[in-house]
Amino acid sequence: MNEDMMTGAERTGIFPQSHGVHNGSDRGKGVFSIHTLGCQMNVHDSERIAGVLEADGYVPATAEQAARKDVDLIVLNTCAVRENATERMYGTIGLWAQLKRTNPRLQIAVGGCMAQKDRERIVRRAPWVDAVFGTKNIAQLPGMLDAAREGAGSQVEVYSDLDSVQYFPSDLPVERGSRISSWVAISVGCNNTCTFCIVPSVRGRERDRRPGDVLAEIRRCVDAGAKEVTLLGQNVNSYGYASGDRYAFSKLLRACGSIEGLERVRFTSPHPAAFTDDVIDAMASTPNVMHQLHMPLQSGSDRILRAMRRSYRSERFLSILEKVRTAMPDAQISTDIIVGFPGETEEDFQRTLDVVRQAQFSSAYTFIYSPRPGTPAASMEQVPHDVVQDRFDRLHEVQESITAARMKEFEGKDVEVLVTGQSGKKDSQTHRVTGREKTGVLVHVGVPDGQPIPKVGDFVTATVTHAAAHDLIADPDPSKGQTYAVRH
């Protein structure tokens, strides 16, 4: 996925993580696990892969089965944004070759952006892989596995003309990884031409879903128990631009406000060039739209932004943040920044530091530039690695101090935390539950003595007693007037 969607240096996981619904003896057509590399869109694609497999008779692995690799099928959903994701993909499927030698029934499938880009190379380097499927070939996976099982050899299904595919991934069955938090894609693909980004070639051009279809999916999520949804798109706020409606995204946010039972709405990732005052107003005036914004900066240097083909400049970027904070003083704003883009000078880097200090981001996902073959930036003059590493370290130090100061502002305040089922490392010893407050910050809430443990999906209002580097601790003592309350 593109850098704008990478709100986390690289996400890896086994899906479904919380789905131990069978007893381990019913293997159906086969027990499967899915490993996901990349961004939120990949995580959501993995939910669709799981839905397609379950509809065909496969059974998700229990946590125990996944841990001991007692599975019949492993799917790797890949990322193509940076070189380390590519290396991790080949390293992972190399390790799985040994699993296949000891478990003849095991099948291996590779999908996602790297499969779209490197399908022939994957089969050549890893002939033990049974199926390689593209970003828009999820529906074909069960048939490919059947053919490989029947002796037809490695199967490859990758659409070369991505724009000709008519269905949305959201048309496929889905097995969601969380009962209370749902991803909902409102568009697929990207129309931008950022020189560092490979997404248009692996996801196709941008296509929007109909608003009615999006809202219907959200209602289905809420009916199934979801308390919050996150709207997904490569450039989520350019939703509707293709049809000439520049207010379509803000209309969609306001429409979410009328869905009964929907408590929290988030979205990622917006593009600064398409971020309108009307979106800010919709965020501020719609009660269930959270005051959380992930706004990718990429660079604070206007010269580098031009080289990246990012259609905004630092002044425009900072003006958006000022408007957001004027309308929503509690807003938590995070960003993405690329360090060491080709041609970046020390002066360019200093401009990035200047913008970071002015922007006061709650957090920043910083990346060392990684050339992707086939992108214009890959053929530009590269910055020496030791120079880039030094800049990366300096940027990290500046942002960490800003993050610490902004986290400190939470101490003594009451926050409402949605218990998500995530577990802090010490939750069991400290009698805590973990979730996220309204602006997305992770909070570990201590349960006072004599109180029942809140369940997943409950909302806990508690007083923050300590701010750590990247999360909050709320161990309130009601006898001291500190808040602790639960609603279901």
Protein backbone atom coordinates (compact mmCIF):
# COMPACT_ATOMS: atom_id res chain seq x y z
CA MET A 1 0.00 0.00 0.00
CA ASN A 2 1.09 3.60 -0.28
CA GLU A 3 2.93 5.39 2.51
CA ASP A 4 -0.23 7.35 3.34
CA MET A 5 -1.96 4.19 4.50
CA MET A 6 0.92 2.88 6.60
CA THR A 7 -0.21 4.06 10.01
CA GLY A 8 2.23 1.74 11.70
CA ALA A 9 5.73 0.94 10.49
CA GLU A 10 4.61 -2.48 9.34
CA ARG A 11 1.69 -4.48 10.61
CA THR A 12 2.11 -8.22 10.93
CA GLY A 13 -0.35 -10.66 12.35
CA ILE A 14 -2.12 -13.97 12.21
CA PHE A 15 -5.77 -13.74 11.22
CA PRO A 16 -8.19 -14.56 12.63
CA GLN A 17 -6.54 -13.80 15.96
CA SER A 18 -9.65 -14.05 18.12
CA HIS A 19 -11.60 -16.63 16.22
CA GLY A 20 -11.31 -19.87 18.15
CA VAL A 21 -14.94 -20.76 17.48
CA HIS A 22 -14.43 -24.42 16.64
CA ASN A 23 -13.08 -27.11 18.90
CA GLY A 24 -10.10 -28.03 16.76
CA SER A 25 -11.45 -31.43 15.68
CA ASP A 26 -13.68 -30.18 12.83
CA ARG A 27 -11.24 -29.34 10.04
CA GLY A 28 -13.86 -28.83 7.34
CA LYS A 29 -12.18 -28.46 3.97
CA GLY A 30 -9.01 -27.44 5.81
CA VAL A 31 -7.84 -25.32 8.73
CA PHE A 32 -6.35 -21.98 7.68
CA SER A 33 -4.42 -19.04 9.11
CA ILE A 34 -3.67 -15.72 7.44
CA HIS A 35 -0.52 -13.68 8.02
CA THR A 36 -0.88 -10.00 7.06
CA LEU A 37 1.90 -7.57 6.18
CA GLY A 38 1.14 -3.92 5.60
CA CYS A 39 -1.58 -1.38 6.19
CA GLN A 40 -5.21 -1.26 7.26
CA MET A 41 -6.40 -1.98 3.71
CA ASN A 42 -4.42 -5.22 3.78
CA VAL A 43 -5.90 -6.09 7.18
CA HIS A 44 -9.37 -5.57 5.74
CA ASP A 45 -8.48 -7.61 2.64
CA SER A 46 -7.49 -10.44 4.99
CA GLU A 47 -10.98 -10.30 6.46
CA ARG A 48 -12.34 -10.78 2.94
CA ILE A 49 -9.92 -13.65 2.28
CA ALA A 50 -11.11 -15.31 5.49
CA GLY A 51 -14.74 -14.78 4.46
CA VAL A 52 -14.20 -16.35 1.03
CA LEU A 53 -12.38 -19.34 2.53
CA GLU A 54 -15.03 -19.95 5.22
CA ALA A 55 -17.78 -19.71 2.59
CA ASP A 56 -15.97 -22.51 0.72
CA GLY A 57 -15.84 -24.76 3.79
CA TYR A 58 -12.47 -23.90 5.34
CA VAL A 59 -12.20 -23.43 9.10
CA PRO A 60 -10.16 -20.70 10.84
CA ALA A 61 -7.36 -21.97 13.07
CA THR A 62 -7.70 -21.71 16.81
CA ALA A 63 -4.93 -19.76 18.54
CA GLU A 64 -3.38 -23.06 19.62
CA GLN A 65 -3.47 -24.52 16.12
CA ALA A 66 -1.94 -21.39 14.61
CA ALA A 67 0.83 -21.34 17.22
CA ARG A 68 1.90 -24.91 16.52
CA LYS A 69 1.26 -24.59 12.76
CA ASP A 70 -1.35 -27.36 12.86
CA VAL A 71 -3.01 -25.99 9.73
CA ASP A 72 -3.80 -27.13 6.22
CA LEU A 73 -3.46 -23.73 4.58
CA ILE A 74 -1.34 -20.65 5.29
CA VAL A 75 -2.07 -17.44 3.39
CA LEU A 76 0.44 -14.58 3.29
CA ASN A 77 -1.16 -11.24 2.43
CA THR A 78 1.74 -9.10 1.28
CA CYS A 79 2.80 -5.46 1.14
CA ALA A 80 4.90 -3.80 -1.57
CA VAL A 81 5.54 -0.36 -0.10
CA ARG A 82 9.07 -0.85 1.20
CA GLU A 83 11.96 -3.17 0.60
CA ASN A 84 11.86 -4.67 4.09
CA ALA A 85 8.31 -5.91 3.43
CA THR A 86 9.59 -7.67 0.30
CA GLU A 87 12.46 -9.25 2.20
CA ARG A 88 10.13 -10.35 4.95
CA MET A 89 7.81 -11.97 2.43
CA TYR A 90 10.56 -14.13 0.88
CA GLY A 91 12.02 -14.94 4.29
CA THR A 92 8.63 -16.05 5.59
CA ILE A 93 7.70 -18.28 2.66
CA GLY A 94 11.23 -19.72 2.78
CA LEU A 95 10.61 -20.83 6.36
CA TRP A 96 7.26 -22.29 5.34
CA ALA A 97 8.98 -24.53 2.80
CA GLN A 98 10.25 -26.64 5.71
CA LEU A 99 6.73 -26.81 7.16
CA LYS A 100 5.49 -28.16 3.87
CA ARG A 101 8.17 -30.84 3.79
CA THR A 102 7.04 -32.10 7.20
CA ASN A 103 3.32 -31.63 6.52
CA PRO A 104 2.41 -32.93 3.04
CA ARG A 105 -1.20 -31.72 3.31
CA LEU A 106 -0.14 -28.08 3.86
CA GLN A 107 -0.91 -25.56 1.12
CA ILE A 108 0.65 -22.10 0.87
CA ALA A 109 -0.93 -19.10 -0.87
CA VAL A 110 0.53 -15.63 -1.42
CA GLY A 111 -1.70 -12.64 -2.16
CA GLY A 112 -1.72 -8.87 -1.88
CA CYS A 113 0.35 -6.11 -3.44
CA MET A 114 3.61 -8.03 -3.82
CA ALA A 115 1.76 -10.92 -5.44
CA GLN A 116 0.21 -8.43 -7.89
CA LYS A 117 3.63 -6.99 -8.71
CA ASP A 118 5.95 -10.03 -8.62
CA ARG A 119 3.77 -13.03 -9.49
CA GLU A 120 6.27 -14.74 -11.86
CA ARG A 121 9.20 -14.05 -9.55
CA ILE A 122 7.40 -15.58 -6.56
CA VAL A 123 6.66 -18.82 -8.42
CA ARG A 124 10.24 -18.94 -9.73
CA ARG A 125 11.86 -18.34 -6.33
CA ALA A 126 9.36 -20.34 -4.30
CA PRO A 127 7.95 -23.19 -6.42
CA TRP A 128 6.44 -24.75 -3.27
CA VAL A 129 3.82 -21.98 -3.19
CA ASP A 130 0.49 -23.41 -4.37
CA ALA A 131 -1.35 -20.19 -5.26
CA VAL A 132 -0.37 -16.62 -6.10
CA PHE A 133 -3.34 -14.26 -6.36
CA GLY A 134 -3.57 -10.54 -7.07
CA THR A 135 -5.21 -7.73 -5.15
CA LYS A 136 -8.47 -8.23 -7.07
CA ASN A 137 -8.38 -12.03 -7.32
CA ILE A 138 -9.47 -12.94 -3.79
CA ALA A 139 -12.64 -14.62 -5.07
CA GLN A 140 -10.56 -17.03 -7.19
CA LEU A 141 -8.50 -18.37 -4.28
CA PRO A 142 -10.60 -21.46 -3.35
CA GLY A 143 -10.64 -22.68 -6.95
CA MET A 144 -6.90 -22.15 -7.28
CA LEU A 145 -6.28 -24.21 -4.14
CA ASP A 146 -8.52 -26.98 -5.48
CA ALA A 147 -6.58 -27.09 -8.75
CA ALA A 148 -3.21 -27.16 -6.98
CA ARG A 149 -4.42 -29.93 -4.65
CA GLU A 150 -5.46 -31.99 -7.66
CA GLY A 151 -1.95 -31.83 -9.09
CA ALA A 152 -2.17 -28.91 -11.50
CA GLY A 153 0.92 -27.24 -10.05
CA SER A 154 1.34 -23.70 -8.81
CA GLN A 155 -1.66 -21.55 -9.70
CA VAL A 156 -1.37 -17.87 -10.61
CA GLU A 157 -4.37 -15.57 -10.96
CA VAL A 158 -3.50 -11.88 -11.33
CA TYR A 159 -5.52 -9.36 -13.33
CA SER A 160 -3.13 -7.28 -15.43
CA ASP A 161 -5.81 -4.67 -16.17
CA LEU A 162 -6.93 -3.73 -12.68
CA ASP A 163 -9.29 -1.03 -13.92
CA SER A 164 -11.37 -3.58 -15.83
CA VAL A 165 -12.41 -5.45 -12.67
CA GLN A 166 -15.94 -4.38 -11.78
CA TYR A 167 -16.55 -5.79 -8.32
CA PHE A 168 -15.38 -4.23 -5.07
CA PRO A 169 -13.68 -6.36 -2.42
CA SER A 170 -16.63 -5.36 -0.22
CA ASP A 171 -18.87 -7.48 -2.45
CA LEU A 172 -17.12 -10.59 -1.10
CA PRO A 173 -17.98 -12.51 2.08
CA VAL A 174 -16.20 -11.23 5.17
CA GLU A 175 -15.07 -12.72 8.47
CA ARG A 176 -14.19 -9.74 10.61
CA GLY A 177 -11.24 -9.86 12.96
CA SER A 178 -13.07 -7.83 15.60
CA ARG A 179 -16.65 -7.98 16.81
CA ILE A 180 -16.79 -4.36 17.92
CA SER A 181 -14.48 -2.52 15.48
CA SER A 182 -15.03 -2.81 11.73
CA TRP A 183 -13.14 -1.66 8.67
CA VAL A 184 -15.36 -0.36 5.85
CA ALA A 185 -13.77 0.44 2.48
CA ILE A 186 -15.40 3.35 0.68
CA SER A 187 -13.07 3.34 -2.32
CA VAL A 188 -10.28 1.32 -3.90
CA GLY A 189 -7.24 2.37 -5.91
CA CYS A 190 -5.48 5.70 -6.31
CA ASN A 191 -5.38 8.45 -8.97
CA ASN A 192 -2.30 10.23 -7.65
CA THR A 193 1.14 9.93 -9.22
CA CYS A 194 3.47 10.25 -6.22
CA THR A 195 6.95 9.43 -7.46
CA PHE A 196 7.75 7.13 -4.51
CA CYS A 197 4.54 5.10 -4.61
CA ILE A 198 3.73 1.83 -6.31
CA VAL A 199 0.06 1.66 -5.33
CA PRO A 200 -1.60 2.68 -8.65
CA SER A 201 0.18 -0.20 -10.39
CA VAL A 202 -0.88 -2.80 -7.79
CA ARG A 203 -4.33 -1.44 -6.83
CA GLY A 204 -5.51 0.35 -9.97
CA ARG A 205 -7.18 3.71 -10.36
CA GLU A 206 -9.54 5.08 -7.75
CA ARG A 207 -13.13 3.84 -7.77
CA ASP A 208 -15.79 4.83 -5.26
CA ARG A 209 -18.55 2.72 -3.81
CA ARG A 210 -22.08 4.07 -3.86
CA PRO A 211 -22.92 5.91 -0.62
CA GLY A 212 -25.96 3.71 -0.08
CA ASP A 213 -23.80 0.58 -0.27
CA VAL A 214 -21.32 2.01 2.23
CA LEU A 215 -24.04 2.99 4.70
CA ALA A 216 -25.76 -0.38 4.31
CA GLU A 217 -22.51 -2.17 5.18
CA ILE A 218 -22.03 0.06 8.21
CA ARG A 219 -25.55 -0.75 9.41
CA ARG A 220 -24.82 -4.48 8.98
CA CYS A 221 -21.67 -4.05 11.08
CA VAL A 222 -23.63 -2.29 13.82
CA ASP A 223 -26.38 -4.93 13.71
CA ALA A 224 -23.65 -7.56 14.22
CA GLY A 225 -22.36 -5.76 17.33
CA ALA A 226 -19.86 -3.20 16.04
CA LYS A 227 -19.52 -0.05 18.14
CA GLU A 228 -17.09 1.72 15.82
CA VAL A 229 -16.14 1.73 12.15
CA THR A 230 -13.12 3.05 10.30
CA LEU A 231 -13.71 4.26 6.74
CA LEU A 232 -10.88 3.20 4.42
CA GLY A 233 -9.60 4.62 1.16
CA GLN A 234 -6.23 5.29 -0.41
CA ASN A 235 -7.27 8.95 -0.43
CA VAL A 236 -10.40 8.65 1.63
CA ASN A 237 -11.39 12.32 1.41
CA SER A 238 -11.32 12.42 -2.40
CA TYR A 239 -14.39 10.19 -2.25
CA GLY A 240 -16.90 11.51 -4.80
CA TYR A 241 -14.42 13.58 -6.80
CA ALA A 242 -14.75 11.28 -9.83
CA SER A 243 -18.47 12.05 -10.01
CA GLY A 244 -17.90 15.76 -9.48
CA ASP A 245 -19.20 15.88 -5.89
CA ARG A 246 -16.45 17.41 -3.75
CA TYR A 247 -18.72 17.29 -0.71
CA ALA A 248 -19.45 13.55 -0.94
CA PHE A 249 -17.08 12.59 1.87
CA SER A 250 -18.39 15.17 4.32
CA LYS A 251 -21.94 14.09 3.42
CA LEU A 252 -20.96 10.50 4.19
CA LEU A 253 -19.52 11.48 7.57
CA ARG A 254 -22.73 13.34 8.47
CA ALA A 255 -24.83 10.38 7.32
CA CYS A 256 -22.88 8.14 9.70
CA GLY A 257 -24.14 10.38 12.50
CA SER A 258 -27.71 9.17 11.92
CA ILE A 259 -26.92 5.46 12.29
CA GLU A 260 -28.36 4.32 15.59
CA GLY A 261 -25.94 2.33 17.72
CA LEU A 262 -22.83 3.57 15.88
CA GLU A 263 -20.75 5.17 18.62
CA ARG A 264 -17.49 6.00 16.88
CA VAL A 265 -16.47 6.78 13.30
CA ARG A 266 -12.87 7.17 12.15
CA PHE A 267 -11.27 7.39 8.71
CA THR A 268 -7.87 6.94 7.09
CA SER A 269 -6.01 8.23 5.23
CA PRO A 270 -6.94 11.67 3.91
CA HIS A 271 -4.82 13.57 1.40
CA PRO A 272 -3.97 17.19 2.31
CA ALA A 273 -4.71 18.42 -1.21
CA ALA A 274 -8.35 17.30 -0.97
CA PHE A 275 -8.99 18.22 2.64
CA THR A 276 -11.82 20.77 2.68
CA ASP A 277 -13.28 23.04 5.33
CA ASP A 278 -16.52 21.09 4.96
CA VAL A 279 -14.81 17.90 6.14
CA ILE A 280 -13.54 19.76 9.20
CA ASP A 281 -17.06 21.03 9.88
CA ALA A 282 -18.49 17.51 9.46
CA MET A 283 -15.93 16.14 11.94
CA ALA A 284 -16.66 18.86 14.47
CA SER A 285 -20.45 18.80 14.17
CA THR A 286 -21.16 15.05 13.90
CA PRO A 287 -21.11 13.64 17.45
CA ASN A 288 -19.94 10.13 16.59
CA VAL A 289 -17.10 11.23 14.27
CA MET A 290 -13.96 11.13 16.39
CA HIS A 291 -11.52 14.03 16.61
CA GLN A 292 -8.68 11.92 15.30
CA LEU A 293 -6.81 12.71 12.10
CA HIS A 294 -3.96 10.93 10.37
CA MET A 295 -2.66 13.48 7.85
CA PRO A 296 0.44 12.36 5.88
CA LEU A 297 3.03 15.15 5.55
CA GLN A 298 5.82 13.10 3.89
CA SER A 299 8.20 16.11 3.86
CA GLY A 300 8.27 19.65 5.20
CA SER A 301 10.34 20.85 2.24
CA ASP A 302 8.30 22.32 -0.63
CA ARG A 303 11.11 21.41 -3.02
CA ILE A 304 10.93 17.77 -1.99
CA LEU A 305 7.11 17.79 -2.07
CA ARG A 306 7.33 18.92 -5.69
CA ALA A 307 9.81 16.11 -6.44
CA MET A 308 7.40 13.68 -4.76
CA ARG A 309 4.51 15.09 -6.85
CA ARG A 310 2.59 15.83 -3.67
CA SER A 311 0.05 18.46 -4.69
CA TYR A 312 0.24 20.66 -1.57
CA ARG A 313 2.91 22.70 0.17
CA SER A 314 3.90 22.99 3.81
CA GLU A 315 1.99 26.26 4.35
CA ARG A 316 -1.23 24.65 3.09
CA PHE A 317 -0.60 21.63 5.31
CA LEU A 318 -0.10 23.71 8.45
CA SER A 319 -3.17 25.81 7.68
CA ILE A 320 -5.31 22.65 7.65
CA LEU A 321 -3.98 21.65 11.06
CA GLU A 322 -4.71 25.12 12.43
CA LYS A 323 -8.31 24.95 11.20
CA VAL A 324 -8.75 21.46 12.64
CA ARG A 325 -7.50 22.50 16.07
CA THR A 326 -9.61 25.67 16.04
CA ALA A 327 -12.72 23.58 15.38
CA MET A 328 -11.64 20.67 17.61
CA PRO A 329 -9.10 21.69 20.27
CA ASP A 330 -8.87 18.10 21.53
CA ALA A 331 -7.94 16.67 18.10
CA GLN A 332 -5.09 14.17 18.01
CA ILE A 333 -3.21 14.51 14.71
CA SER A 334 -0.65 11.96 13.51
CA THR A 335 1.35 11.83 10.29
CA ASP A 336 3.71 9.93 7.98
CA ILE A 337 7.15 11.30 7.08
CA ILE A 338 9.70 9.93 4.61
CA VAL A 339 13.33 10.65 5.44
CA GLY A 340 16.04 10.59 2.77
CA PHE A 341 13.91 11.01 -0.35
CA PRO A 342 16.22 11.26 -3.40
CA GLY A 343 17.88 14.67 -3.57
CA GLU A 344 16.99 15.63 0.01
CA THR A 345 19.55 18.09 1.39
CA GLU A 346 20.24 19.05 4.98
CA GLU A 347 18.30 22.27 4.32
CA ASP A 348 15.31 20.22 3.12
CA PHE A 349 15.52 18.07 6.22
CA GLN A 350 15.67 21.14 8.47
CA ARG A 351 12.43 22.34 6.85
CA THR A 352 10.86 19.01 7.83
CA LEU A 353 12.03 19.48 11.43
CA ASP A 354 10.60 23.01 11.39
CA VAL A 355 7.19 21.79 10.22
CA VAL A 356 7.19 18.95 12.77
CA ARG A 357 7.86 21.44 15.57
CA GLN A 358 5.09 23.73 14.33
CA ALA A 359 2.61 20.91 13.72
CA GLN A 360 3.03 19.33 17.16
CA PHE A 361 1.88 15.90 15.96
CA SER A 362 0.65 13.48 18.61
CA SER A 363 2.71 10.82 16.81
CA ALA A 364 4.56 10.34 13.54
CA TYR A 365 5.31 7.21 11.58
CA THR A 366 8.73 7.91 10.12
CA PHE A 367 10.21 5.89 7.30
CA ILE A 368 13.60 5.73 5.65
CA TYR A 369 12.99 6.12 1.92
CA SER A 370 12.98 2.77 0.16
CA PRO A 371 13.24 2.75 -3.65
CA ARG A 372 10.57 0.65 -5.33
CA PRO A 373 11.41 -0.61 -8.83
CA GLY A 374 9.14 0.91 -11.44
CA THR A 375 8.59 4.19 -9.60
CA PRO A 376 10.15 7.45 -10.87
CA ALA A 377 11.97 8.10 -7.58
CA ALA A 378 13.85 4.80 -7.85
CA SER A 379 15.93 6.21 -10.74
CA MET A 380 16.72 9.49 -8.97
CA GLU A 381 20.01 10.16 -7.16
CA GLN A 382 19.83 8.44 -3.78
CA VAL A 383 20.98 9.92 -0.47
CA PRO A 384 23.77 7.94 1.27
CA HIS A 385 22.40 5.57 3.89
CA ASP A 386 24.50 6.88 6.77
CA VAL A 387 23.23 10.41 6.10
CA VAL A 388 19.63 9.20 5.99
CA GLN A 389 20.02 7.18 9.19
CA ASP A 390 21.42 10.21 11.02
CA ARG A 391 18.45 12.33 9.88
CA PHE A 392 16.01 9.62 10.82
CA ASP A 393 17.46 9.43 14.33
CA ARG A 394 17.30 13.21 14.77
CA LEU A 395 13.70 13.38 13.56
CA HIS A 396 12.74 10.52 15.85
CA GLU A 397 14.26 12.31 18.84
CA VAL A 398 12.36 15.54 18.09
CA GLN A 399 9.05 13.79 17.57
CA GLU A 400 9.42 11.60 20.66
CA SER A 401 9.79 14.69 22.84
CA ILE A 402 6.69 16.24 21.26
CA THR A 403 4.73 13.00 21.70
CA ALA A 404 5.74 12.76 25.36
CA ALA A 405 4.57 16.33 26.01
CA ARG A 406 1.23 15.80 24.29
CA MET A 407 0.65 12.53 26.14
CA LYS A 408 1.42 14.31 29.44
CA GLU A 409 -1.54 16.61 28.76
CA PHE A 410 -3.89 13.67 29.40
CA GLU A 411 -2.83 13.22 33.02
CA GLY A 412 -5.64 14.07 35.42
CA LYS A 413 -8.25 14.14 32.65
CA ASP A 414 -11.22 11.80 32.30
CA VAL A 415 -11.26 9.70 29.12
CA GLU A 416 -13.89 7.36 27.70
CA VAL A 417 -12.28 4.08 26.68
CA LEU A 418 -13.85 1.47 24.40
CA VAL A 419 -12.63 -1.92 25.63
CA THR A 420 -11.36 -3.62 22.48
CA GLY A 421 -10.05 -6.98 23.61
CA GLN A 422 -6.44 -5.93 23.11
CA SER A 423 -4.24 -6.94 25.99
CA GLY A 424 -1.51 -4.93 27.62
CA LYS A 425 1.59 -6.92 28.56
CA LYS A 426 0.78 -6.62 32.26
CA ASP A 427 -3.03 -6.55 32.19
CA SER A 428 -3.46 -9.87 33.96
CA GLN A 429 -1.07 -8.94 36.79
CA THR A 430 -2.31 -5.36 37.15
CA HIS A 431 -6.06 -6.05 36.97
CA ARG A 432 -6.43 -3.81 33.92
CA VAL A 433 -8.39 -3.81 30.67
CA THR A 434 -7.17 -2.19 27.47
CA GLY A 435 -8.88 -0.08 24.85
CA ARG A 436 -8.79 3.25 23.04
CA GLU A 437 -10.13 6.61 24.05
CA LYS A 438 -12.05 8.78 21.60
CA THR A 439 -9.05 10.22 19.77
CA GLY A 440 -7.44 6.80 19.35
CA VAL A 441 -4.87 6.79 22.15
CA LEU A 442 -4.30 3.38 23.75
CA VAL A 443 -5.35 3.29 27.43
CA HIS A 444 -4.83 0.61 30.10
CA VAL A 445 -7.57 1.00 32.71
CA GLY A 446 -7.21 -0.39 36.21
CA VAL A 447 -10.38 -1.93 37.62
CA PRO A 448 -10.97 -0.87 41.25
CA ASP A 449 -11.22 -3.61 43.86
CA GLY A 450 -14.67 -5.15 44.06
CA GLN A 451 -15.67 -4.03 40.55
CA PRO A 452 -16.47 -6.57 37.80
CA ILE A 453 -14.08 -6.71 34.85
CA PRO A 454 -15.53 -4.72 31.90
CA LYS A 455 -16.28 -6.79 28.82
CA VAL A 456 -15.17 -6.22 25.25
CA GLY A 457 -17.45 -3.56 23.82
CA ASP A 458 -18.02 -1.80 27.14
CA PHE A 459 -17.18 1.88 27.57
CA VAL A 460 -15.15 2.81 30.64
CA THR A 461 -14.80 6.42 31.74
CA ALA A 462 -11.72 6.78 33.94
CA THR A 463 -9.20 9.33 35.14
CA VAL A 464 -5.75 9.15 33.55
CA THR A 465 -3.15 8.72 36.27
CA HIS A 466 0.03 8.32 34.21
CA ALA A 467 1.17 9.05 30.66
CA ALA A 468 3.70 6.61 29.23
CA ALA A 469 5.63 7.14 26.01
CA HIS A 470 2.87 5.94 23.70
CA ASP A 471 -0.04 4.92 25.89
CA LEU A 472 -1.91 5.98 28.99
CA ILE A 473 -2.49 4.38 32.38
CA ALA A 474 -5.76 5.01 34.19
CA ASP A 475 -5.69 3.46 37.68
CA PRO A 476 -8.33 5.68 39.28
CA ASP A 477 -9.09 5.72 42.99
CA PRO A 478 -12.76 6.74 43.42
CA SER A 479 -12.08 7.53 47.09
CA LYS A 480 -9.88 10.40 45.88
CA GLY A 481 -12.56 11.73 43.57
CA GLN A 482 -11.06 10.07 40.48
CA THR A 483 -13.61 8.80 37.97
CA TYR A 484 -14.40 5.17 37.19
CA ALA A 485 -17.68 4.27 35.46
CA VAL A 486 -18.79 1.60 32.99
CA ARG A 487 -21.59 1.62 30.45
CA HIS A 488 -22.56 -1.30 28.28
